[in-house]
Amino acid sequence: MAYIIAEPCVGTLDKACVPACPVDCIYAPAENGKMLYIHPEECIDCGACVEPCPVQAIFPVDETPEKWKFYIEVNKNYFPEKDEAKAWAGHPFPAEKLKKPPDAH
């Protein structure tokens, strides 16, 4: 996986990065999503999505801040089903970043 999306995106879901991606590998949950996700097998490691992100949430895997390393697994686990419950299983979710509490899983 070349790039991942981390905590600054939670609750923001700004999609400025989506059109910047030349291979359309950034996905947003359909409704009431928590954040955007980068598909690990589709990302071509170009970095085009990094600069358009207004909250600096996108990192190369090997440069992900230590406190957000678990987002590498969260991004990976979101696929192939595009299931946020599966993505977050076993990981702390920063519910305070959302305007409303997350759905119980």
C-alpha atoms as a PDB file:
ATOM      1  CA  MET A   1       0.000   0.000   0.000  1.00  0.00           C
ATOM      2  CA  ALA A   2       1.492   3.290  -1.020  1.00  0.00           C
ATOM      3  CA  TYR A   3      -0.624   5.937   0.741  1.00  0.00           C
ATOM      4  CA  ILE A   4      -3.192   5.863   3.542  1.00  0.00           C
ATOM      5  CA  ILE A   5      -5.718   8.277   4.995  1.00  0.00           C
ATOM      6  CA  ALA A   6      -5.474   8.923   8.754  1.00  0.00           C
ATOM      7  CA  GLU A   7      -7.332  10.613  11.615  1.00  0.00           C
ATOM      8  CA  PRO A   8      -7.515  14.197  10.310  1.00  0.00           C
ATOM      9  CA  CYS A   9     -10.063  12.954   7.739  1.00  0.00           C
ATOM     10  CA  VAL A  10     -12.389  11.485  10.384  1.00  0.00           C
ATOM     11  CA  GLY A  11     -15.569  13.520  10.419  1.00  0.00           C
ATOM     12  CA  THR A  12     -14.258  15.812   7.676  1.00  0.00           C
ATOM     13  CA  LEU A  13     -14.637  13.679   4.551  1.00  0.00           C
ATOM     14  CA  ASP A  14     -13.506  16.534   2.319  1.00  0.00           C
ATOM     15  CA  LYS A  15     -13.305  14.997  -1.143  1.00  0.00           C
ATOM     16  CA  ALA A  16     -10.779  17.390  -2.713  1.00  0.00           C
ATOM     17  CA  CYS A  17      -8.346  14.473  -2.959  1.00  0.00           C
ATOM     18  CA  VAL A  18     -10.736  12.256  -4.944  1.00  0.00           C
ATOM     19  CA  PRO A  19     -10.555  14.000  -8.357  1.00  0.00           C
ATOM     20  CA  ALA A  20      -6.782  14.400  -7.928  1.00  0.00           C
ATOM     21  CA  CYS A  21      -6.298  10.625  -7.978  1.00  0.00           C
ATOM     22  CA  PRO A  22      -5.529   9.421 -11.516  1.00  0.00           C
ATOM     23  CA  VAL A  23      -6.650   5.847 -10.784  1.00  0.00           C
ATOM     24  CA  ASP A  24      -9.763   6.558  -8.676  1.00  0.00           C
ATOM     25  CA  CYS A  25      -8.534   4.584  -5.672  1.00  0.00           C
ATOM     26  CA  ILE A  26     -10.025   6.854  -2.963  1.00  0.00           C
ATOM     27  CA  TYR A  27     -13.406   5.738  -1.677  1.00  0.00           C
ATOM     28  CA  ALA A  28     -16.068   7.333   0.497  1.00  0.00           C
ATOM     29  CA  PRO A  29     -18.697   5.326   2.358  1.00  0.00           C
ATOM     30  CA  ALA A  30     -22.162   5.780   0.848  1.00  0.00           C
ATOM     31  CA  GLU A  31     -23.925   7.269   3.878  1.00  0.00           C
ATOM     32  CA  ASN A  32     -22.900   8.442   7.328  1.00  0.00           C
ATOM     33  CA  GLY A  33     -19.284   7.583   6.612  1.00  0.00           C
ATOM     34  CA  LYS A  34     -16.529   8.217   9.090  1.00  0.00           C
ATOM     35  CA  MET A  35     -13.702   9.011   6.667  1.00  0.00           C
ATOM     36  CA  LEU A  36     -12.305   8.343   3.175  1.00  0.00           C
ATOM     37  CA  TYR A  37     -10.196   5.255   2.387  1.00  0.00           C
ATOM     38  CA  ILE A  38      -7.436   4.497  -0.131  1.00  0.00           C
ATOM     39  CA  HIS A  39      -7.589   1.071  -1.770  1.00  0.00           C
ATOM     40  CA  PRO A  40      -4.203  -0.584  -1.102  1.00  0.00           C
ATOM     41  CA  GLU A  41      -4.141  -2.594  -4.328  1.00  0.00           C
ATOM     42  CA  GLU A  42      -5.259   0.254  -6.600  1.00  0.00           C
ATOM     43  CA  CYS A  43      -2.979   3.031  -5.301  1.00  0.00           C
ATOM     44  CA  ILE A  44      -0.050   3.613  -7.681  1.00  0.00           C
ATOM     45  CA  ASP A  45       2.088   5.590  -5.216  1.00  0.00           C
ATOM     46  CA  CYS A  46       1.910   8.825  -7.230  1.00  0.00           C
ATOM     47  CA  GLY A  47       1.104  11.160  -4.304  1.00  0.00           C
ATOM     48  CA  ALA A  48      -1.293  13.310  -6.366  1.00  0.00           C
ATOM     49  CA  CYS A  49      -3.868  13.163  -3.556  1.00  0.00           C
ATOM     50  CA  VAL A  50      -1.620  14.560  -0.817  1.00  0.00           C
ATOM     51  CA  GLU A  51      -1.539  18.266  -1.679  1.00  0.00           C
ATOM     52  CA  PRO A  52      -5.291  18.715  -2.338  1.00  0.00           C
ATOM     53  CA  CYS A  53      -6.176  17.292   1.098  1.00  0.00           C
ATOM     54  CA  PRO A  54      -7.142  20.343   3.196  1.00  0.00           C
ATOM     55  CA  VAL A  55      -6.573  18.573   6.530  1.00  0.00           C
ATOM     56  CA  GLN A  56      -3.224  16.860   5.766  1.00  0.00           C
ATOM     57  CA  ALA A  57      -4.663  13.387   6.366  1.00  0.00           C
ATOM     58  CA  ILE A  58      -2.851  11.487   3.590  1.00  0.00           C
ATOM     59  CA  PHE A  59       0.538   9.882   4.214  1.00  0.00           C
ATOM     60  CA  PRO A  60       2.888   7.447   2.518  1.00  0.00           C
ATOM     61  CA  VAL A  61       2.677   4.249   4.584  1.00  0.00           C
ATOM     62  CA  ASP A  62       6.287   4.503   5.728  1.00  0.00           C
ATOM     63  CA  GLU A  63       5.829   8.156   6.798  1.00  0.00           C
ATOM     64  CA  THR A  64       2.588   7.732   8.743  1.00  0.00           C
ATOM     65  CA  PRO A  65       2.959   9.334  12.193  1.00  0.00           C
ATOM     66  CA  GLU A  66       3.399   6.721  14.915  1.00  0.00           C
ATOM     67  CA  LYS A  67       0.162   7.702  16.682  1.00  0.00           C
ATOM     68  CA  TRP A  68      -1.784   6.929  13.474  1.00  0.00           C
ATOM     69  CA  LYS A  69      -0.004   3.755  12.319  1.00  0.00           C
ATOM     70  CA  PHE A  70      -3.141   1.690  12.965  1.00  0.00           C
ATOM     71  CA  TYR A  71      -4.832   3.610  10.116  1.00  0.00           C
ATOM     72  CA  ILE A  72      -2.696   1.528   7.740  1.00  0.00           C
ATOM     73  CA  GLU A  73      -4.695  -1.508   8.825  1.00  0.00           C
ATOM     74  CA  VAL A  74      -7.983   0.431   8.951  1.00  0.00           C
ATOM     75  CA  ASN A  75      -7.546   1.463   5.280  1.00  0.00           C
ATOM     76  CA  LYS A  76      -6.598  -2.090   4.280  1.00  0.00           C
ATOM     77  CA  ASN A  77      -9.486  -3.705   6.185  1.00  0.00           C
ATOM     78  CA  TYR A  78     -12.091  -1.437   4.563  1.00  0.00           C
ATOM     79  CA  PHE A  79     -11.609  -3.423   1.347  1.00  0.00           C
ATOM     80  CA  PRO A  80     -12.782  -5.401  -0.580  1.00  0.00           C
ATOM     81  CA  GLU A  81     -16.244  -5.147   0.992  1.00  0.00           C
ATOM     82  CA  LYS A  82     -16.042  -1.378   1.652  1.00  0.00           C
ATOM     83  CA  ASP A  83     -17.282  -2.072   5.171  1.00  0.00           C
ATOM     84  CA  GLU A  84     -16.471   0.471   7.900  1.00  0.00           C
ATOM     85  CA  ALA A  85     -17.425  -1.886  10.726  1.00  0.00           C
ATOM     86  CA  LYS A  86     -14.867  -4.384   9.411  1.00  0.00           C
ATOM     87  CA  ALA A  87     -12.273  -1.644   8.876  1.00  0.00           C
ATOM     88  CA  TRP A  88     -12.485  -0.453  12.478  1.00  0.00           C
ATOM     89  CA  ALA A  89     -12.800  -3.848  14.188  1.00  0.00           C
ATOM     90  CA  GLY A  90     -10.244  -3.992  16.993  1.00  0.00           C
ATOM     91  CA  HIS A  91      -9.181  -0.340  16.649  1.00  0.00           C
ATOM     92  CA  PRO A  92     -10.101   2.705  18.734  1.00  0.00           C
ATOM     93  CA  PHE A  93     -12.409   5.055  16.873  1.00  0.00           C
ATOM     94  CA  PRO A  94     -12.041   8.785  17.622  1.00  0.00           C
ATOM     95  CA  ALA A  95     -15.788   9.373  18.087  1.00  0.00           C
ATOM     96  CA  GLU A  96     -15.169  12.882  19.382  1.00  0.00           C
ATOM     97  CA  LYS A  97     -14.111  13.846  15.852  1.00  0.00           C
ATOM     98  CA  LEU A  98     -17.626  13.221  14.548  1.00  0.00           C
ATOM     99  CA  LYS A  99     -20.437  15.727  14.840  1.00  0.00           C
ATOM    100  CA  LYS A 100     -22.686  12.864  15.965  1.00  0.00           C
ATOM    101  CA  PRO A 101     -21.849   9.591  17.723  1.00  0.00           C
ATOM    102  CA  PRO A 102     -21.003   6.637  15.451  1.00  0.00           C
ATOM    103  CA  ASP A 103     -23.517   3.871  14.901  1.00  0.00           C
ATOM    104  CA  ALA A 104     -23.175   1.019  17.369  1.00  0.00           C
ATOM    105  CA  HIS A 105     -21.562  -2.015  15.755  1.00  0.00           C
END
